[in-house]
């Protein structure tokens, strides 16, 4: 019974994060494509490009949660989810208090959800690898 609840929680959180993460993924693609022809000229543009690239990798980490995650693949998923969280930190970094105020609205919380789920699944992958094996 507990294994079924854990699976429901595992897949339920992953599915709920994919929806807003898809929007963030599309925005990240536009950011990376707009900077593909030239190197960023200042620090803010560099942060934006890094955030876009890390966000793309992080999205693939969320998608890979639905694949079999044993052995080496589990490490790859863990790294990709860590890149997702890092992209969020790149978003918070230059904006500071203005970015934190964004999360007081429901839209901000929806935007924040994929990063919470990424951190949650990173915890599951590190601490409880046996409960999330896709057998």
C-alpha atoms as a PDB file:
ATOM      1  CA  UNK A   1       0.000   0.000   0.000  1.00  0.00           C
ATOM      2  CA  UNK A   2       2.782   2.445   0.909  1.00  0.00           C
ATOM      3  CA  UNK A   3       4.603   1.644  -2.350  1.00  0.00           C
ATOM      4  CA  UNK A   4       1.448   2.539  -4.327  1.00  0.00           C
ATOM      5  CA  UNK A   5       1.070   5.839  -2.468  1.00  0.00           C
ATOM      6  CA  UNK A   6       4.731   6.610  -3.109  1.00  0.00           C
ATOM      7  CA  UNK A   7       4.287   5.918  -6.826  1.00  0.00           C
ATOM      8  CA  UNK A   8       1.191   8.115  -6.981  1.00  0.00           C
ATOM      9  CA  UNK A   9       3.109  10.905  -5.250  1.00  0.00           C
ATOM     10  CA  UNK A  10       6.127  10.359  -7.514  1.00  0.00           C
ATOM     11  CA  UNK A  11       4.224  10.450 -10.793  1.00  0.00           C
ATOM     12  CA  UNK A  12       1.628  12.968  -9.634  1.00  0.00           C
ATOM     13  CA  UNK A  13       4.220  15.570  -8.729  1.00  0.00           C
ATOM     14  CA  UNK A  14       6.181  14.902 -11.917  1.00  0.00           C
ATOM     15  CA  UNK A  15       3.084  15.331 -14.107  1.00  0.00           C
ATOM     16  CA  UNK A  16       2.017  18.464 -12.255  1.00  0.00           C
ATOM     17  CA  UNK A  17       5.462  19.985 -12.827  1.00  0.00           C
ATOM     18  CA  UNK A  18       5.658  19.134 -16.527  1.00  0.00           C
ATOM     19  CA  UNK A  19       2.783  21.477 -17.447  1.00  0.00           C
ATOM     20  CA  UNK A  20       4.298  24.766 -16.190  1.00  0.00           C
ATOM     21  CA  UNK A  21       7.800  23.517 -17.029  1.00  0.00           C
ATOM     22  CA  UNK A  22       6.786  23.151 -20.673  1.00  0.00           C
ATOM     23  CA  UNK A  23       6.018  26.863 -20.818  1.00  0.00           C
ATOM     24  CA  UNK A  24       9.351  27.648 -19.137  1.00  0.00           C
ATOM     25  CA  UNK A  25      11.079  25.288 -21.600  1.00  0.00           C
ATOM     26  CA  UNK A  26       9.609  27.141 -24.589  1.00  0.00           C
ATOM     27  CA  UNK A  27      10.689  30.495 -23.146  1.00  0.00           C
ATOM     28  CA  UNK A  28      14.168  29.079 -22.511  1.00  0.00           C
ATOM     29  CA  UNK A  29      14.380  27.917 -26.122  1.00  0.00           C
ATOM     30  CA  UNK A  30      13.527  31.419 -27.324  1.00  0.00           C
ATOM     31  CA  UNK A  31      16.139  32.928 -25.008  1.00  0.00           C
ATOM     32  CA  UNK A  32      18.866  30.575 -26.217  1.00  0.00           C
ATOM     33  CA  UNK A  33      17.923  31.014 -29.880  1.00  0.00           C
ATOM     34  CA  UNK A  34      17.909  34.794 -29.574  1.00  0.00           C
ATOM     35  CA  UNK A  35      21.448  34.708 -28.164  1.00  0.00           C
ATOM     36  CA  UNK A  36      22.738  31.973 -30.493  1.00  0.00           C
ATOM     37  CA  UNK A  37      24.242  34.372 -33.021  1.00  0.00           C
ATOM     38  CA  UNK A  38      26.160  36.575 -30.632  1.00  0.00           C
ATOM     39  CA  UNK A  39      27.827  36.315 -27.274  1.00  0.00           C
ATOM     40  CA  UNK A  40      26.073  38.270 -24.478  1.00  0.00           C
ATOM     41  CA  UNK A  41      27.617  41.695 -23.998  1.00  0.00           C
ATOM     42  CA  UNK A  42      26.878  42.239 -20.312  1.00  0.00           C
ATOM     43  CA  UNK A  43      26.347  40.324 -17.091  1.00  0.00           C
ATOM     44  CA  UNK A  44      22.547  40.375 -17.206  1.00  0.00           C
ATOM     45  CA  UNK A  45      22.458  38.887 -20.700  1.00  0.00           C
ATOM     46  CA  UNK A  46      24.987  36.250 -19.615  1.00  0.00           C
ATOM     47  CA  UNK A  47      22.786  35.289 -16.670  1.00  0.00           C
ATOM     48  CA  UNK A  48      19.785  35.102 -18.984  1.00  0.00           C
ATOM     49  CA  UNK A  49      21.598  32.858 -21.469  1.00  0.00           C
ATOM     50  CA  UNK A  50      22.903  30.596 -18.695  1.00  0.00           C
ATOM     51  CA  UNK A  51      19.430  30.406 -17.189  1.00  0.00           C
ATOM     52  CA  UNK A  52      17.986  29.418 -20.570  1.00  0.00           C
ATOM     53  CA  UNK A  53      20.529  26.677 -21.208  1.00  0.00           C
ATOM     54  CA  UNK A  54      20.209  25.273 -17.686  1.00  0.00           C
ATOM     55  CA  UNK A  55      16.414  25.429 -17.931  1.00  0.00           C
ATOM     56  CA  UNK A  56      16.459  23.345 -21.118  1.00  0.00           C
ATOM     57  CA  UNK A  57      18.576  20.683 -19.435  1.00  0.00           C
ATOM     58  CA  UNK A  58      16.338  20.815 -16.369  1.00  0.00           C
ATOM     59  CA  UNK A  59      13.236  20.212 -18.465  1.00  0.00           C
ATOM     60  CA  UNK A  60      14.818  17.067 -19.862  1.00  0.00           C
ATOM     61  CA  UNK A  61      15.488  15.980 -16.278  1.00  0.00           C
ATOM     62  CA  UNK A  62      11.788  16.324 -15.456  1.00  0.00           C
ATOM     63  CA  UNK A  63      10.826  14.390 -18.572  1.00  0.00           C
ATOM     64  CA  UNK A  64      13.335  11.646 -17.751  1.00  0.00           C
ATOM     65  CA  UNK A  65      11.553  11.041 -14.444  1.00  0.00           C
ATOM     66  CA  UNK A  66       9.127   8.944 -16.491  1.00  0.00           C
ATOM     67  CA  UNK A  67      11.848   6.620 -17.770  1.00  0.00           C
ATOM     68  CA  UNK A  68      13.476   3.763 -15.948  1.00  0.00           C
ATOM     69  CA  UNK A  69      15.803   5.401 -13.446  1.00  0.00           C
ATOM     70  CA  UNK A  70      18.245   2.781 -12.310  1.00  0.00           C
ATOM     71  CA  UNK A  71      22.032   2.850 -12.230  1.00  0.00           C
ATOM     72  CA  UNK A  72      23.787   5.397 -14.410  1.00  0.00           C
ATOM     73  CA  UNK A  73      20.526   6.885 -15.705  1.00  0.00           C
ATOM     74  CA  UNK A  74      19.555   7.808 -12.137  1.00  0.00           C
ATOM     75  CA  UNK A  75      22.746   9.876 -11.855  1.00  0.00           C
ATOM     76  CA  UNK A  76      22.019  11.612 -15.148  1.00  0.00           C
ATOM     77  CA  UNK A  77      18.497  12.480 -13.966  1.00  0.00           C
ATOM     78  CA  UNK A  78      19.907  13.783 -10.693  1.00  0.00           C
ATOM     79  CA  UNK A  79      22.370  16.048 -12.533  1.00  0.00           C
ATOM     80  CA  UNK A  80      19.679  17.348 -14.896  1.00  0.00           C
ATOM     81  CA  UNK A  81      17.332  18.102 -11.992  1.00  0.00           C
ATOM     82  CA  UNK A  82      20.187  19.901 -10.220  1.00  0.00           C
ATOM     83  CA  UNK A  83      20.672  22.008 -13.360  1.00  0.00           C
ATOM     84  CA  UNK A  84      16.961  22.837 -13.205  1.00  0.00           C
ATOM     85  CA  UNK A  85      17.297  24.113  -9.653  1.00  0.00           C
ATOM     86  CA  UNK A  86      20.449  26.010 -10.645  1.00  0.00           C
ATOM     87  CA  UNK A  87      18.573  27.740 -13.467  1.00  0.00           C
ATOM     88  CA  UNK A  88      16.054  28.918 -10.904  1.00  0.00           C
ATOM     89  CA  UNK A  89      18.865  30.285  -8.737  1.00  0.00           C
ATOM     90  CA  UNK A  90      20.182  32.151 -11.779  1.00  0.00           C
ATOM     91  CA  UNK A  91      16.721  33.712 -12.090  1.00  0.00           C
ATOM     92  CA  UNK A  92      16.636  34.741  -8.419  1.00  0.00           C
ATOM     93  CA  UNK A  93      20.254  35.959  -8.294  1.00  0.00           C
ATOM     94  CA  UNK A  94      20.218  39.222 -10.240  1.00  0.00           C
ATOM     95  CA  UNK A  95      16.616  40.096  -9.410  1.00  0.00           C
ATOM     96  CA  UNK A  96      16.835  39.633  -5.638  1.00  0.00           C
ATOM     97  CA  UNK A  97      13.856  40.893  -3.664  1.00  0.00           C
ATOM     98  CA  UNK A  98      11.759  41.603  -6.778  1.00  0.00           C
ATOM     99  CA  UNK A  99      11.955  37.928  -7.735  1.00  0.00           C
ATOM    100  CA  UNK A 100      10.977  36.795  -4.234  1.00  0.00           C
ATOM    101  CA  UNK A 101       7.936  39.092  -4.325  1.00  0.00           C
ATOM    102  CA  UNK A 102       6.841  37.317  -7.508  1.00  0.00           C
ATOM    103  CA  UNK A 103       6.083  34.191  -5.472  1.00  0.00           C
ATOM    104  CA  UNK A 104       3.380  35.871  -3.415  1.00  0.00           C
ATOM    105  CA  UNK A 105       0.950  35.475  -6.334  1.00  0.00           C
ATOM    106  CA  UNK A 106      -0.631  32.259  -7.584  1.00  0.00           C
ATOM    107  CA  UNK A 107       1.071  32.710 -10.964  1.00  0.00           C
ATOM    108  CA  UNK A 108       4.417  32.969  -9.229  1.00  0.00           C
ATOM    109  CA  UNK A 109       3.750  29.791  -7.278  1.00  0.00           C
ATOM    110  CA  UNK A 110       2.806  27.964 -10.474  1.00  0.00           C
ATOM    111  CA  UNK A 111       6.079  29.153 -11.997  1.00  0.00           C
ATOM    112  CA  UNK A 112       7.966  28.029  -8.874  1.00  0.00           C
ATOM    113  CA  UNK A 113       6.358  24.549  -8.756  1.00  0.00           C
ATOM    114  CA  UNK A 114       8.698  22.761 -11.242  1.00  0.00           C
ATOM    115  CA  UNK A 115      11.688  23.798  -9.163  1.00  0.00           C
ATOM    116  CA  UNK A 116      10.093  22.534  -5.941  1.00  0.00           C
ATOM    117  CA  UNK A 117       9.324  19.237  -7.665  1.00  0.00           C
ATOM    118  CA  UNK A 118      12.882  19.020  -9.004  1.00  0.00           C
ATOM    119  CA  UNK A 119      14.282  19.468  -5.496  1.00  0.00           C
ATOM    120  CA  UNK A 120      11.798  16.897  -4.139  1.00  0.00           C
ATOM    121  CA  UNK A 121      12.777  14.314  -6.764  1.00  0.00           C
ATOM    122  CA  UNK A 122      16.452  15.012  -6.192  1.00  0.00           C
ATOM    123  CA  UNK A 123      15.835  14.122  -2.553  1.00  0.00           C
ATOM    124  CA  UNK A 124      14.028  10.924  -3.576  1.00  0.00           C
ATOM    125  CA  UNK A 125      16.817   9.918  -5.942  1.00  0.00           C
ATOM    126  CA  UNK A 126      19.497  10.429  -3.304  1.00  0.00           C
ATOM    127  CA  UNK A 127      17.789   9.203  -0.142  1.00  0.00           C
ATOM    128  CA  UNK A 128      15.253   6.618  -1.295  1.00  0.00           C
ATOM    129  CA  UNK A 129      16.293   5.162  -4.641  1.00  0.00           C
ATOM    130  CA  UNK A 130      14.474   1.862  -4.101  1.00  0.00           C
ATOM    131  CA  UNK A 131      11.006   3.385  -3.726  1.00  0.00           C
ATOM    132  CA  UNK A 132      11.010   5.017  -7.170  1.00  0.00           C
ATOM    133  CA  UNK A 133      12.296   2.206  -9.340  1.00  0.00           C
ATOM    134  CA  UNK A 134      10.025   1.686 -12.323  1.00  0.00           C
ATOM    135  CA  UNK A 135       9.567  -2.075 -12.170  1.00  0.00           C
END
